[in-house]
C-alpha atoms as a PDB file:
ATOM      1  CA  MET A   1     -40.031 123.516  23.094  1.00  0.00           C
ATOM      2  CA  ASN A   2     -36.319 122.724  22.203  1.00  0.00           C
ATOM      3  CA  LEU A   3     -35.917 119.852  20.181  1.00  0.00           C
ATOM      4  CA  LEU A   4     -32.685 118.477  22.076  1.00  0.00           C
ATOM      5  CA  THR A   5     -34.738 118.933  25.214  1.00  0.00           C
ATOM      6  CA  THR A   6     -37.844 117.299  24.066  1.00  0.00           C
ATOM      7  CA  TYR A   7     -36.832 114.416  22.041  1.00  0.00           C
ATOM      8  CA  ILE A   8     -33.377 113.602  23.209  1.00  0.00           C
ATOM      9  CA  GLY A   9     -33.397 114.582  26.656  1.00  0.00           C
ATOM     10  CA  LEU A  10     -30.611 117.256  26.639  1.00  0.00           C
ATOM     11  CA  ASN A  11     -30.858 120.500  28.860  1.00  0.00           C
ATOM     12  CA  GLN A  12     -29.254 123.454  27.732  1.00  0.00           C
ATOM     13  CA  ARG A  13     -26.917 125.859  29.409  1.00  0.00           C
ATOM     14  CA  GLY A  14     -24.168 128.257  28.199  1.00  0.00           C
ATOM     15  CA  ALA A  15     -22.904 131.667  27.743  1.00  0.00           C
ATOM     16  CA  GLY A  16     -22.034 134.029  24.732  1.00  0.00           C
ATOM     17  CA  TRP A  17     -18.595 135.439  23.793  1.00  0.00           C
ATOM     18  CA  SER A  18     -17.818 138.900  22.475  1.00  0.00           C
ATOM     19  CA  ALA A  19     -16.241 137.947  19.061  1.00  0.00           C
ATOM     20  CA  GLY A  20     -15.266 141.677  18.409  1.00  0.00           C
ATOM     21  CA  ARG A  21     -16.245 144.110  16.025  1.00  0.00           C
ATOM     22  CA  GLY A  22     -19.025 143.195  13.381  1.00  0.00           C
ATOM     23  CA  ARG A  23     -18.235 141.248  10.420  1.00  0.00           C
ATOM     24  CA  ARG A  24     -20.417 142.866   8.017  1.00  0.00           C
ATOM     25  CA  PHE A  25     -21.828 146.406   7.040  1.00  0.00           C
ATOM     26  CA  ALA A  26     -25.175 147.064   8.667  1.00  0.00           C
ATOM     27  CA  ALA A  27     -27.227 148.351   5.799  1.00  0.00           C
ATOM     28  CA  ASP A  28     -27.790 151.863   4.403  1.00  0.00           C
ATOM     29  CA  ARG A  29     -28.300 154.810   6.900  1.00  0.00           C
ATOM     30  CA  HIS A  30     -31.883 155.414   5.776  1.00  0.00           C
ATOM     31  CA  PRO A  31     -34.650 155.198   8.463  1.00  0.00           C
ATOM     32  CA  MET A  32     -36.048 151.759   8.810  1.00  0.00           C
ATOM     33  CA  GLN A  33     -33.190 150.014   7.280  1.00  0.00           C
ATOM     34  CA  TYR A  34     -31.160 149.902  10.579  1.00  0.00           C
ATOM     35  CA  LYS A  35     -29.762 146.305  11.571  1.00  0.00           C
ATOM     36  CA  ALA A  36     -27.602 145.711  14.428  1.00  0.00           C
ATOM     37  CA  VAL A  37     -24.465 143.940  13.645  1.00  0.00           C
ATOM     38  CA  PRO A  38     -23.977 140.920  15.967  1.00  0.00           C
ATOM     39  CA  VAL A  39     -20.962 141.048  17.905  1.00  0.00           C
ATOM     40  CA  THR A  40     -21.481 138.127  20.215  1.00  0.00           C
ATOM     41  CA  GLU A  41     -22.119 134.240  19.558  1.00  0.00           C
ATOM     42  CA  ASN A  42     -23.862 131.933  21.794  1.00  0.00           C
ATOM     43  CA  ILE A  43     -22.184 129.052  23.350  1.00  0.00           C
ATOM     44  CA  MET A  44     -24.387 126.326  23.918  1.00  0.00           C
ATOM     45  CA  VAL A  45     -23.754 123.674  26.486  1.00  0.00           C
ATOM     46  CA  TYR A  46     -26.054 120.437  26.689  1.00  0.00           C
ATOM     47  CA  ARG A  47     -26.116 117.958  29.444  1.00  0.00           C
ATOM     48  CA  LYS A  48     -28.194 114.938  29.859  1.00  0.00           C
ATOM     49  CA  LYS A  49     -31.614 115.271  31.352  1.00  0.00           C
ATOM     50  CA  SER A  50     -31.854 114.092  34.797  1.00  0.00           C
ATOM     51  CA  ASP A  51     -34.121 114.373  37.870  1.00  0.00           C
ATOM     52  CA  HIS A  52     -30.932 115.125  40.067  1.00  0.00           C
ATOM     53  CA  LEU A  53     -29.389 118.688  40.417  1.00  0.00           C
ATOM     54  CA  ILE A  54     -25.689 119.182  39.264  1.00  0.00           C
ATOM     55  CA  ASP A  55     -24.673 119.133  42.868  1.00  0.00           C
ATOM     56  CA  TRP A  56     -25.852 115.683  43.336  1.00  0.00           C
ATOM     57  CA  PHE A  57     -23.412 114.637  40.243  1.00  0.00           C
ATOM     58  CA  ILE A  58     -20.525 116.408  41.877  1.00  0.00           C
ATOM     59  CA  LYS A  59     -20.945 114.769  45.179  1.00  0.00           C
ATOM     60  CA  LYS A  60     -21.689 111.378  43.715  1.00  0.00           C
ATOM     61  CA  ASN A  61     -18.485 111.451  41.008  1.00  0.00           C
ATOM     62  CA  PRO A  62     -16.336 108.437  41.912  1.00  0.00           C
ATOM     63  CA  HIS A  63     -13.038 110.297  41.139  1.00  0.00           C
ATOM     64  CA  GLN A  64     -13.379 113.133  43.868  1.00  0.00           C
ATOM     65  CA  LYS A  65      -9.712 113.740  43.601  1.00  0.00           C
ATOM     66  CA  ASP A  66     -10.316 115.003  40.051  1.00  0.00           C
ATOM     67  CA  VAL A  67     -13.398 117.019  41.264  1.00  0.00           C
ATOM     68  CA  GLU A  68     -11.298 118.811  43.650  1.00  0.00           C
ATOM     69  CA  ALA A  69      -8.392 119.366  41.024  1.00  0.00           C
ATOM     70  CA  SER A  70     -10.808 120.792  38.920  1.00  0.00           C
ATOM     71  CA  ARG A  71     -12.138 123.655  41.046  1.00  0.00           C
ATOM     72  CA  ILE A  72     -12.170 126.789  39.091  1.00  0.00           C
ATOM     73  CA  GLU A  73      -9.688 129.369  40.489  1.00  0.00           C
ATOM     74  CA  ASP A  74     -10.226 133.073  40.810  1.00  0.00           C
ATOM     75  CA  PRO A  75     -10.743 135.242  38.943  1.00  0.00           C
ATOM     76  CA  TYR A  76     -13.495 133.611  36.731  1.00  0.00           C
ATOM     77  CA  GLU A  77     -16.158 134.843  34.597  1.00  0.00           C
ATOM     78  CA  VAL A  78     -19.583 135.454  36.390  1.00  0.00           C
ATOM     79  CA  THR A  79     -21.446 137.008  33.566  1.00  0.00           C
ATOM     80  CA  ASN A  80     -22.968 135.510  30.462  1.00  0.00           C
ATOM     81  CA  ILE A  81     -20.768 137.555  28.163  1.00  0.00           C
ATOM     82  CA  TRP A  82     -17.112 136.671  27.831  1.00  0.00           C
ATOM     83  CA  ARG A  83     -14.856 139.111  26.299  1.00  0.00           C
ATOM     84  CA  ILE A  84     -12.307 137.184  24.314  1.00  0.00           C
ATOM     85  CA  ASN A  85     -10.444 138.493  21.297  1.00  0.00           C
ATOM     86  CA  PRO A  86     -11.089 136.697  17.917  1.00  0.00           C
ATOM     87  CA  ALA A  87      -8.278 134.194  16.704  1.00  0.00           C
ATOM     88  CA  LYS A  88      -6.722 134.231  13.140  1.00  0.00           C
ATOM     89  CA  ASP A  89      -4.882 131.411  11.432  1.00  0.00           C
ATOM     90  CA  ARG A  90      -4.548 131.809   7.543  1.00  0.00           C
ATOM     91  CA  ARG A  91      -4.755 127.939   7.424  1.00  0.00           C
ATOM     92  CA  HIS A  92      -8.540 128.016   8.441  1.00  0.00           C
ATOM     93  CA  PRO A  93     -11.338 130.333   7.707  1.00  0.00           C
ATOM     94  CA  ALA A  94     -13.192 129.597  10.895  1.00  0.00           C
ATOM     95  CA  VAL A  95     -10.764 129.340  13.614  1.00  0.00           C
ATOM     96  CA  PHE A  96     -11.742 130.294  17.036  1.00  0.00           C
ATOM     97  CA  PRO A  97      -9.639 131.381  20.112  1.00  0.00           C
ATOM     98  CA  LYS A  98      -8.009 128.870  22.398  1.00  0.00           C
ATOM     99  CA  GLU A  99      -9.004 130.929  25.319  1.00  0.00           C
ATOM    100  CA  LEU A 100     -12.885 130.178  24.394  1.00  0.00           C
ATOM    101  CA  ALA A 101     -12.176 126.440  24.191  1.00  0.00           C
ATOM    102  CA  GLU A 102     -10.361 126.770  27.617  1.00  0.00           C
ATOM    103  CA  ARG A 103     -13.072 128.426  29.306  1.00  0.00           C
ATOM    104  CA  VAL A 104     -15.757 126.115  28.236  1.00  0.00           C
ATOM    105  CA  ILE A 105     -13.365 122.802  29.054  1.00  0.00           C
ATOM    106  CA  LYS A 106     -12.499 124.316  32.397  1.00  0.00           C
ATOM    107  CA  TYR A 107     -16.341 125.252  33.334  1.00  0.00           C
ATOM    108  CA  TYR A 108     -17.940 122.294  32.117  1.00  0.00           C
ATOM    109  CA  SER A 109     -15.688 119.338  32.739  1.00  0.00           C
ATOM    110  CA  PHE A 110     -13.346 117.584  35.379  1.00  0.00           C
ATOM    111  CA  LYS A 111      -9.647 116.878  34.883  1.00  0.00           C
ATOM    112  CA  ASN A 112      -9.289 113.450  33.083  1.00  0.00           C
ATOM    113  CA  ASP A 113     -12.816 114.029  31.522  1.00  0.00           C
ATOM    114  CA  TYR A 114     -13.016 113.301  27.696  1.00  0.00           C
ATOM    115  CA  VAL A 115     -13.825 116.404  25.676  1.00  0.00           C
ATOM    116  CA  LEU A 116     -15.420 115.632  22.116  1.00  0.00           C
ATOM    117  CA  ASP A 117     -14.858 118.226  19.348  1.00  0.00           C
ATOM    118  CA  PRO A 118     -17.001 116.864  16.375  1.00  0.00           C
ATOM    119  CA  PHE A 119     -15.578 119.554  14.266  1.00  0.00           C
ATOM    120  CA  GLY A 120     -11.906 119.340  14.937  1.00  0.00           C
ATOM    121  CA  GLY A 121     -10.712 122.182  12.645  1.00  0.00           C
ATOM    122  CA  LEU A 122      -7.058 122.816  13.634  1.00  0.00           C
ATOM    123  CA  ALA A 123      -7.271 120.984  16.978  1.00  0.00           C
ATOM    124  CA  THR A 124      -7.789 124.239  18.941  1.00  0.00           C
ATOM    125  CA  THR A 125     -10.170 122.263  21.441  1.00  0.00           C
ATOM    126  CA  ALA A 126      -7.627 119.319  21.542  1.00  0.00           C
ATOM    127  CA  LYS A 127      -4.728 121.685  22.416  1.00  0.00           C
ATOM    128  CA  ALA A 128      -6.983 123.495  25.279  1.00  0.00           C
ATOM    129  CA  ALA A 129      -7.887 119.727  26.595  1.00  0.00           C
ATOM    130  CA  ILE A 130      -4.202 118.750  26.589  1.00  0.00           C
ATOM    131  CA  ASP A 131      -3.338 122.085  28.559  1.00  0.00           C
ATOM    132  CA  LEU A 132      -6.146 121.554  31.073  1.00  0.00           C
ATOM    133  CA  ASN A 133      -5.489 117.847  31.843  1.00  0.00           C
ATOM    134  CA  ARG A 134      -8.190 116.407  29.685  1.00  0.00           C
ATOM    135  CA  HIS A 135      -8.310 113.749  27.167  1.00  0.00           C
ATOM    136  CA  PHE A 136      -9.877 114.550  23.914  1.00  0.00           C
ATOM    137  CA  ILE A 137     -11.681 113.146  20.681  1.00  0.00           C
ATOM    138  CA  SER A 138     -11.246 115.242  17.607  1.00  0.00           C
ATOM    139  CA  ILE A 139     -13.161 114.608  14.490  1.00  0.00           C
ATOM    140  CA  GLU A 140     -12.175 116.300  11.283  1.00  0.00           C
ATOM    141  CA  LEU A 141     -13.493 115.673   7.706  1.00  0.00           C
ATOM    142  CA  GLU A 142     -11.211 117.870   5.637  1.00  0.00           C
ATOM    143  CA  LYS A 143      -7.901 116.045   4.927  1.00  0.00           C
ATOM    144  CA  LYS A 144      -6.026 119.530   4.955  1.00  0.00           C
ATOM    145  CA  TYR A 145      -7.145 120.501   8.419  1.00  0.00           C
ATOM    146  CA  PHE A 146      -6.435 116.827   9.558  1.00  0.00           C
ATOM    147  CA  TYR A 147      -2.894 117.012   8.553  1.00  0.00           C
ATOM    148  CA  ASP A 148      -2.251 120.412   9.840  1.00  0.00           C
ATOM    149  CA  SER A 149      -3.904 119.445  13.269  1.00  0.00           C
ATOM    150  CA  LEU A 150      -1.447 116.371  13.326  1.00  0.00           C
ATOM    151  CA  LYS A 151       1.705 118.748  12.563  1.00  0.00           C
ATOM    152  CA  ASP A 152       0.669 121.174  15.264  1.00  0.00           C
ATOM    153  CA  LEU A 153       0.002 118.505  17.741  1.00  0.00           C
ATOM    154  CA  ASN A 154       3.384 116.817  17.021  1.00  0.00           C
ATOM    155  CA  LYS A 155       5.215 120.224  17.079  1.00  0.00           C
ATOM    156  CA  ASP A 156       3.607 121.802  20.200  1.00  0.00           C
ATOM    157  CA  TYR A 157       3.063 118.473  22.363  1.00  0.00           C
ATOM    158  CA  GLY A 158       5.297 115.714  20.881  1.00  0.00           C
ATOM    159  CA  MET A 159       2.269 113.680  19.826  1.00  0.00           C
ATOM    160  CA  TYR A 160       2.087 111.981  16.464  1.00  0.00           C
ATOM    161  CA  LEU A 161      -0.267 109.278  15.027  1.00  0.00           C
ATOM    162  CA  ASN A 162       0.289 105.908  16.748  1.00  0.00           C
ATOM    163  CA  SER A 163       2.544 107.461  19.501  1.00  0.00           C
ATOM    164  CA  GLY A 164       0.818 106.095  22.430  1.00  0.00           C
ATOM    165  CA  LYS A 165       0.571 109.310  24.079  1.00  0.00           C
ATOM    166  CA  VAL A 166      -3.300 109.598  23.609  1.00  0.00           C
ATOM    167  CA  GLU A 167      -5.963 107.108  22.814  1.00  0.00           C
ATOM    168  CA  VAL A 168      -7.109 109.053  19.798  1.00  0.00           C
ATOM    169  CA  ILE A 169      -5.820 111.783  18.173  1.00  0.00           C
ATOM    170  CA  LEU A 170      -7.649 112.456  14.903  1.00  0.00           C
ATOM    171  CA  ASP A 171      -9.312 110.576  12.396  1.00  0.00           C
ATOM    172  CA  TYR A 172      -9.994 111.215   8.782  1.00  0.00           C
ATOM    173  CA  TYR A 173     -13.053 110.007   7.011  1.00  0.00           C
ATOM    174  CA  GLN A 174     -12.250 108.100   3.932  1.00  0.00           C
ATOM    175  CA  GLY A 175     -15.590 108.365   2.191  1.00  0.00           C
ATOM    176  CA  ASP A 176     -16.789 111.127  -0.044  1.00  0.00           C
ATOM    177  CA  ALA A 177     -15.078 114.090   1.846  1.00  0.00           C
ATOM    178  CA  GLU A 178     -12.859 114.691  -1.251  1.00  0.00           C
ATOM    179  CA  LYS A 179     -15.692 115.010  -3.332  1.00  0.00           C
ATOM    180  CA  ARG A 180     -17.088 118.180  -1.445  1.00  0.00           C
END
């Protein structure tokens, strides 16, 4: 049994995205040494456990205008493998494509919902949330990525700390992050 389902009461859904070519060599070419190189990564989406079906939540949502405005347009992905090209940014070693964040946000939230990114990085999820009319909360522990994110949000969206344009932009944990 899944720990999140059993003890926390969250149910898993999701898809996988094709991350492009493999990122490492797949061993020698002798029999019995073959290892397939993973070219997909799983996307895990969790929701709170409930006795109600998702349709019930959509129907009972108090913001029906947002529900209708969030309807997913054609064409949309119908399989569990999404073909999305990897992203690159010299400022961060593990940046992921904005298109990936956009799909997850579009498929699993309504307009005006809050999107939480506990690993903010360069604010890719925050940028996708803004573009899709969602609010965001982005958490980043590394000072460098925090400030790079602020610069990007200011340059691309005119947002800056204490601008009043968003409730929460980013926060930097002042504890032992610099010692890591």
